[in-house]
């Protein structure tokens, strides 16, 4: 019976990993693609705004 207890953790991890991969593949594209793309575009735009150099002030 030791072999059963030794095999349970790897089998559970394999099942969990397979479920994770299936979920990731199913969530790609489709109806959610435009929402995901919009979220990424908004995050990139916000980051670009934060990293843009401030306009130089004229001290004339």
PDB file of N, CA and C in Angstrom:
ATOM      1  N   UNK A   1       0.806  -1.206   0.000  1.00  0.00           N
ATOM      2  CA  UNK A   1       0.000   0.000   0.000  1.00  0.00           C
ATOM      3  C   UNK A   1       0.847   1.267   0.000  1.00  0.00           C
ATOM      4  N   UNK A   2       2.140   1.126   0.251  1.00  0.00           N
ATOM      5  CA  UNK A   2       3.004   2.309   0.221  1.00  0.00           C
ATOM      6  C   UNK A   2       3.059   2.918  -1.172  1.00  0.00           C
ATOM      7  N   UNK A   3       2.980   2.083  -2.203  1.00  0.00           N
ATOM      8  CA  UNK A   3       3.047   2.607  -3.554  1.00  0.00           C
ATOM      9  C   UNK A   3       1.829   3.466  -3.876  1.00  0.00           C
ATOM     10  N   UNK A   4       0.668   3.152  -3.278  1.00  0.00           N
ATOM     11  CA  UNK A   4      -0.529   3.971  -3.514  1.00  0.00           C
ATOM     12  C   UNK A   4      -0.336   5.350  -2.899  1.00  0.00           C
ATOM     13  N   UNK A   5       0.148   5.410  -1.682  1.00  0.00           N
ATOM     14  CA  UNK A   5       0.356   6.709  -1.026  1.00  0.00           C
ATOM     15  C   UNK A   5       1.489   7.483  -1.697  1.00  0.00           C
ATOM     16  N   UNK A   6       2.420   6.789  -2.333  1.00  0.00           N
ATOM     17  CA  UNK A   6       3.498   7.475  -3.042  1.00  0.00           C
ATOM     18  C   UNK A   6       3.013   8.033  -4.380  1.00  0.00           C
ATOM     19  N   UNK A   7       2.002   7.420  -4.986  1.00  0.00           N
ATOM     20  CA  UNK A   7       1.508   7.866  -6.295  1.00  0.00           C
ATOM     21  C   UNK A   7       0.424   8.940  -6.207  1.00  0.00           C
ATOM     22  N   UNK A   8      -0.234   9.069  -5.077  1.00  0.00           N
ATOM     23  CA  UNK A   8      -1.351  10.023  -4.972  1.00  0.00           C
ATOM     24  C   UNK A   8      -0.905  11.471  -5.215  1.00  0.00           C
ATOM     25  N   UNK A   9       0.130  11.986  -4.567  1.00  0.00           N
ATOM     26  CA  UNK A   9       0.506  13.389  -4.816  1.00  0.00           C
ATOM     27  C   UNK A   9       0.842  13.702  -6.279  1.00  0.00           C
ATOM     28  N   UNK A  10       1.636  12.877  -6.968  1.00  0.00           N
ATOM     29  CA  UNK A  10       1.909  13.207  -8.372  1.00  0.00           C
ATOM     30  C   UNK A  10       0.664  13.145  -9.248  1.00  0.00           C
ATOM     31  N   UNK A  11      -0.225  12.221  -8.964  1.00  0.00           N
ATOM     32  CA  UNK A  11      -1.454  12.113  -9.758  1.00  0.00           C
ATOM     33  C   UNK A  11      -2.334  13.333  -9.524  1.00  0.00           C
ATOM     34  N   UNK A  12      -2.451  13.762  -8.287  1.00  0.00           N
ATOM     35  CA  UNK A  12      -3.255  14.948  -7.977  1.00  0.00           C
ATOM     36  C   UNK A  12      -2.664  16.175  -8.652  1.00  0.00           C
ATOM     37  N   UNK A  13      -1.346  16.318  -8.603  1.00  0.00           N
ATOM     38  CA  UNK A  13      -0.707  17.464  -9.244  1.00  0.00           C
ATOM     39  C   UNK A  13      -0.874  17.411 -10.765  1.00  0.00           C
ATOM     40  N   UNK A  14      -0.801  16.237 -11.349  1.00  0.00           N
ATOM     41  CA  UNK A  14      -0.981  16.119 -12.792  1.00  0.00           C
ATOM     42  C   UNK A  14      -2.396  16.505 -13.200  1.00  0.00           C
ATOM     43  N   UNK A  15      -3.377  16.082 -12.424  1.00  0.00           N
ATOM     44  CA  UNK A  15      -4.771  16.432 -12.722  1.00  0.00           C
ATOM     45  C   UNK A  15      -4.970  17.939 -12.575  1.00  0.00           C
ATOM     46  N   UNK A  16      -4.420  18.529 -11.516  1.00  0.00           N
ATOM     47  CA  UNK A  16      -4.563  19.970 -11.298  1.00  0.00           C
ATOM     48  C   UNK A  16      -3.871  20.757 -12.410  1.00  0.00           C
ATOM     49  N   UNK A  17      -2.695  20.317 -12.830  1.00  0.00           N
ATOM     50  CA  UNK A  17      -1.974  20.997 -13.899  1.00  0.00           C
ATOM     51  C   UNK A  17      -2.744  20.913 -15.209  1.00  0.00           C
ATOM     52  N   UNK A  18      -3.288  19.747 -15.497  1.00  0.00           N
ATOM     53  CA  UNK A  18      -4.083  19.581 -16.718  1.00  0.00           C
ATOM     54  C   UNK A  18      -5.303  20.490 -16.691  1.00  0.00           C
ATOM     55  N   UNK A  19      -5.979  20.575 -15.552  1.00  0.00           N
ATOM     56  CA  UNK A  19      -7.144  21.458 -15.431  1.00  0.00           C
ATOM     57  C   UNK A  19      -6.734  22.917 -15.635  1.00  0.00           C
ATOM     58  N   UNK A  20      -5.586  23.307 -15.104  1.00  0.00           N
ATOM     59  CA  UNK A  20      -5.098  24.673 -15.274  1.00  0.00           C
ATOM     60  C   UNK A  20      -4.830  24.986 -16.744  1.00  0.00           C
ATOM     61  N   UNK A  21      -4.170  24.087 -17.430  1.00  0.00           N
ATOM     62  CA  UNK A  21      -3.867  24.302 -18.842  1.00  0.00           C
ATOM     63  C   UNK A  21      -5.148  24.365 -19.671  1.00  0.00           C
ATOM     64  N   UNK A  22      -6.090  23.475 -19.395  1.00  0.00           N
ATOM     65  CA  UNK A  22      -7.366  23.478 -20.129  1.00  0.00           C
ATOM     66  C   UNK A  22      -8.095  24.798 -19.905  1.00  0.00           C
ATOM     67  N   UNK A  23      -8.108  25.286 -18.675  1.00  0.00           N
ATOM     68  CA  UNK A  23      -8.761  26.562 -18.368  1.00  0.00           C
ATOM     69  C   UNK A  23      -8.085  27.713 -19.098  1.00  0.00           C
ATOM     70  N   UNK A  24      -6.758  27.710 -19.137  1.00  0.00           N
ATOM     71  CA  UNK A  24      -6.034  28.777 -19.827  1.00  0.00           C
ATOM     72  C   UNK A  24      -6.317  28.753 -21.323  1.00  0.00           C
ATOM     73  N   UNK A  25      -6.346  27.581 -21.915  1.00  0.00           N
ATOM     74  CA  UNK A  25      -6.587  27.482 -23.350  1.00  0.00           C
ATOM     75  C   UNK A  25      -8.007  27.907 -23.682  1.00  0.00           C
ATOM     76  N   UNK A  26      -8.965  27.507 -22.845  1.00  0.00           N
ATOM     77  CA  UNK A  26     -10.365  27.875 -23.106  1.00  0.00           C
ATOM     78  C   UNK A  26     -10.599  29.367 -22.967  1.00  0.00           C
ATOM     79  N   UNK A  27      -9.848  30.037 -22.098  1.00  0.00           N
ATOM     80  CA  UNK A  27     -10.089  31.461 -21.867  1.00  0.00           C
ATOM     81  C   UNK A  27      -9.409  32.350 -22.899  1.00  0.00           C
ATOM     82  N   UNK A  28      -8.618  31.778 -23.780  1.00  0.00           N
ATOM     83  CA  UNK A  28      -7.945  32.575 -24.808  1.00  0.00           C
ATOM     84  C   UNK A  28      -8.893  32.834 -25.964  1.00  0.00           C
ATOM     85  N   UNK A  29      -8.902  34.066 -26.432  1.00  0.00           N
ATOM     86  CA  UNK A  29      -9.709  34.408 -27.594  1.00  0.00           C
ATOM     87  C   UNK A  29     -11.192  34.393 -27.287  1.00  0.00           C
ATOM     88  N   UNK A  30     -11.994  34.258 -28.303  1.00  0.00           N
ATOM     89  CA  UNK A  30     -13.442  34.191 -28.135  1.00  0.00           C
ATOM     90  C   UNK A  30     -14.029  35.515 -27.712  1.00  0.00           C
ATOM     91  N   UNK A  31     -15.117  35.435 -26.965  1.00  0.00           N
ATOM     92  CA  UNK A  31     -15.854  36.626 -26.555  1.00  0.00           C
ATOM     93  C   UNK A  31     -15.055  37.484 -25.579  1.00  0.00           C
ATOM     94  N   UNK A  32     -14.155  36.881 -24.818  1.00  0.00           N
ATOM     95  CA  UNK A  32     -13.397  37.641 -23.816  1.00  0.00           C
ATOM     96  C   UNK A  32     -12.185  38.346 -24.406  1.00  0.00           C
ATOM     97  N   UNK A  33     -11.837  38.048 -25.639  1.00  0.00           N
ATOM     98  CA  UNK A  33     -10.619  38.611 -26.219  1.00  0.00           C
ATOM     99  C   UNK A  33     -10.647  40.131 -26.247  1.00  0.00           C
ATOM    100  N   UNK A  34     -11.752  40.730 -26.636  1.00  0.00           N
ATOM    101  CA  UNK A  34     -11.795  42.195 -26.718  1.00  0.00           C
ATOM    102  C   UNK A  34     -11.690  42.828 -25.334  1.00  0.00           C
ATOM    103  N   UNK A  35     -12.301  42.198 -24.316  1.00  0.00           N
ATOM    104  CA  UNK A  35     -12.188  42.728 -22.957  1.00  0.00           C
ATOM    105  C   UNK A  35     -10.749  42.633 -22.463  1.00  0.00           C
ATOM    106  N   UNK A  36     -10.084  41.511 -22.735  1.00  0.00           N
ATOM    107  CA  UNK A  36      -8.707  41.349 -22.305  1.00  0.00           C
ATOM    108  C   UNK A  36      -7.800  42.338 -23.022  1.00  0.00           C
ATOM    109  N   UNK A  37      -8.004  42.498 -24.333  1.00  0.00           N
ATOM    110  CA  UNK A  37      -7.186  43.432 -25.092  1.00  0.00           C
ATOM    111  C   UNK A  37      -7.394  44.862 -24.601  1.00  0.00           C
ATOM    112  N   UNK A  38      -8.623  45.232 -24.302  1.00  0.00           N
ATOM    113  CA  UNK A  38      -8.907  46.584 -23.811  1.00  0.00           C
ATOM    114  C   UNK A  38      -8.246  46.814 -22.457  1.00  0.00           C
ATOM    115  N   UNK A  39      -8.264  45.817 -21.594  1.00  0.00           N
ATOM    116  CA  UNK A  39      -7.641  45.952 -20.278  1.00  0.00           C
ATOM    117  C   UNK A  39      -6.133  46.117 -20.408  1.00  0.00           C
ATOM    118  N   UNK A  40      -5.516  45.347 -21.287  1.00  0.00           N
ATOM    119  CA  UNK A  40      -4.074  45.457 -21.494  1.00  0.00           C
ATOM    120  C   UNK A  40      -3.732  46.804 -22.111  1.00  0.00           C
ATOM    121  N   UNK A  41      -4.505  47.241 -23.092  1.00  0.00           N
ATOM    122  CA  UNK A  41      -4.249  48.541 -23.715  1.00  0.00           C
ATOM    123  C   UNK A  41      -4.365  49.676 -22.700  1.00  0.00           C
ATOM    124  N   UNK A  42      -5.366  49.606 -21.822  1.00  0.00           N
ATOM    125  CA  UNK A  42      -5.534  50.637 -20.799  1.00  0.00           C
ATOM    126  C   UNK A  42      -4.357  50.633 -19.826  1.00  0.00           C
ATOM    127  N   UNK A  43      -3.904  49.450 -19.440  1.00  0.00           N
ATOM    128  CA  UNK A  43      -2.770  49.366 -18.517  1.00  0.00           C
ATOM    129  C   UNK A  43      -1.501  49.900 -19.166  1.00  0.00           C
ATOM    130  N   UNK A  44      -1.277  49.569 -20.432  1.00  0.00           N
ATOM    131  CA  UNK A  44      -0.091  50.071 -21.121  1.00  0.00           C
ATOM    132  C   UNK A  44      -0.150  51.584 -21.308  1.00  0.00           C
ATOM    133  N   UNK A  45      -1.331  52.125 -21.597  1.00  0.00           N
ATOM    134  CA  UNK A  45      -1.472  53.569 -21.752  1.00  0.00           C
ATOM    135  C   UNK A  45      -1.208  54.287 -20.428  1.00  0.00           C
ATOM    136  N   UNK A  46      -1.715  53.724 -19.337  1.00  0.00           N
ATOM    137  CA  UNK A  46      -1.491  54.337 -18.025  1.00  0.00           C
ATOM    138  C   UNK A  46      -0.012  54.302 -17.667  1.00  0.00           C
ATOM    139  N   UNK A  47       0.640  53.210 -17.986  1.00  0.00           N
ATOM    140  CA  UNK A  47       2.066  53.104 -17.686  1.00  0.00           C
ATOM    141  C   UNK A  47       2.869  54.083 -18.542  1.00  0.00           C
ATOM    142  N   UNK A  48       2.483  54.231 -19.806  1.00  0.00           N
ATOM    143  CA  UNK A  48       3.185  55.158 -20.692  1.00  0.00           C
ATOM    144  C   UNK A  48       3.022  56.593 -20.196  1.00  0.00           C
ATOM    145  N   UNK A  49       1.851  56.925 -19.686  1.00  0.00           N
ATOM    146  CA  UNK A  49       1.620  58.271 -19.135  1.00  0.00           C
ATOM    147  C   UNK A  49       2.505  58.510 -17.922  1.00  0.00           C
ATOM    148  N   UNK A  50       2.610  57.492 -17.063  1.00  0.00           N
ATOM    149  CA  UNK A  50       3.418  57.639 -15.853  1.00  0.00           C
ATOM    150  C   UNK A  50       4.901  57.773 -16.174  1.00  0.00           C
ATOM    151  N   UNK A  51       5.346  57.121 -17.226  1.00  0.00           N
ATOM    152  CA  UNK A  51       6.772  57.131 -17.543  1.00  0.00           C
ATOM    153  C   UNK A  51       7.164  58.277 -18.484  1.00  0.00           C
ATOM    154  N   UNK A  52       6.192  58.983 -19.038  1.00  0.00           N
ATOM    155  CA  UNK A  52       6.504  60.080 -19.967  1.00  0.00           C
ATOM    156  C   UNK A  52       7.183  61.208 -19.196  1.00  0.00           C
ATOM    157  N   UNK A  53       8.220  61.793 -19.791  1.00  0.00           N
ATOM    158  CA  UNK A  53       8.890  62.892 -19.096  1.00  0.00           C
ATOM    159  C   UNK A  53       7.996  64.114 -19.035  1.00  0.00           C
ATOM    160  N   UNK A  54       8.098  64.848 -17.949  1.00  0.00           N
ATOM    161  CA  UNK A  54       7.299  66.054 -17.776  1.00  0.00           C
ATOM    162  C   UNK A  54       7.808  67.123 -18.733  1.00  0.00           C
ATOM    163  N   UNK A  55       6.921  67.952 -19.258  1.00  0.00           N
ATOM    164  CA  UNK A  55       7.369  69.011 -20.162  1.00  0.00           C
ATOM    165  C   UNK A  55       8.302  69.978 -19.426  1.00  0.00           C
ATOM    166  N   UNK A  56       9.326  70.421 -20.134  1.00  0.00           N
ATOM    167  CA  UNK A  56      10.292  71.340 -19.516  1.00  0.00           C
ATOM    168  C   UNK A  56       9.655  72.711 -19.315  1.00  0.00           C
ATOM    169  N   UNK A  57       9.946  73.291 -18.159  1.00  0.00           N
ATOM    170  CA  UNK A  57       9.426  74.622 -17.880  1.00  0.00           C
ATOM    171  C   UNK A  57      10.390  75.675 -18.431  1.00  0.00           C
ATOM    172  N   UNK A  58       9.795  76.746 -18.943  1.00  0.00           N
ATOM    173  CA  UNK A  58      10.621  77.841 -19.426  1.00  0.00           C
ATOM    174  C   UNK A  58      10.783  78.850 -18.296  1.00  0.00           C
ATOM    175  N   UNK A  59      12.007  79.235 -18.034  1.00  0.00           N
ATOM    176  CA  UNK A  59      12.275  80.186 -16.939  1.00  0.00           C
ATOM    177  C   UNK A  59      12.759  81.520 -17.514  1.00  0.00           C
ATOM    178  N   UNK A  60      12.106  82.008 -18.523  1.00  0.00           N
ATOM    179  CA  UNK A  60      12.567  83.255 -19.155  1.00  0.00           C
ATOM    180  C   UNK A  60      11.992  84.454 -18.523  1.00  0.00           C
TER     181      UNK A  60
END
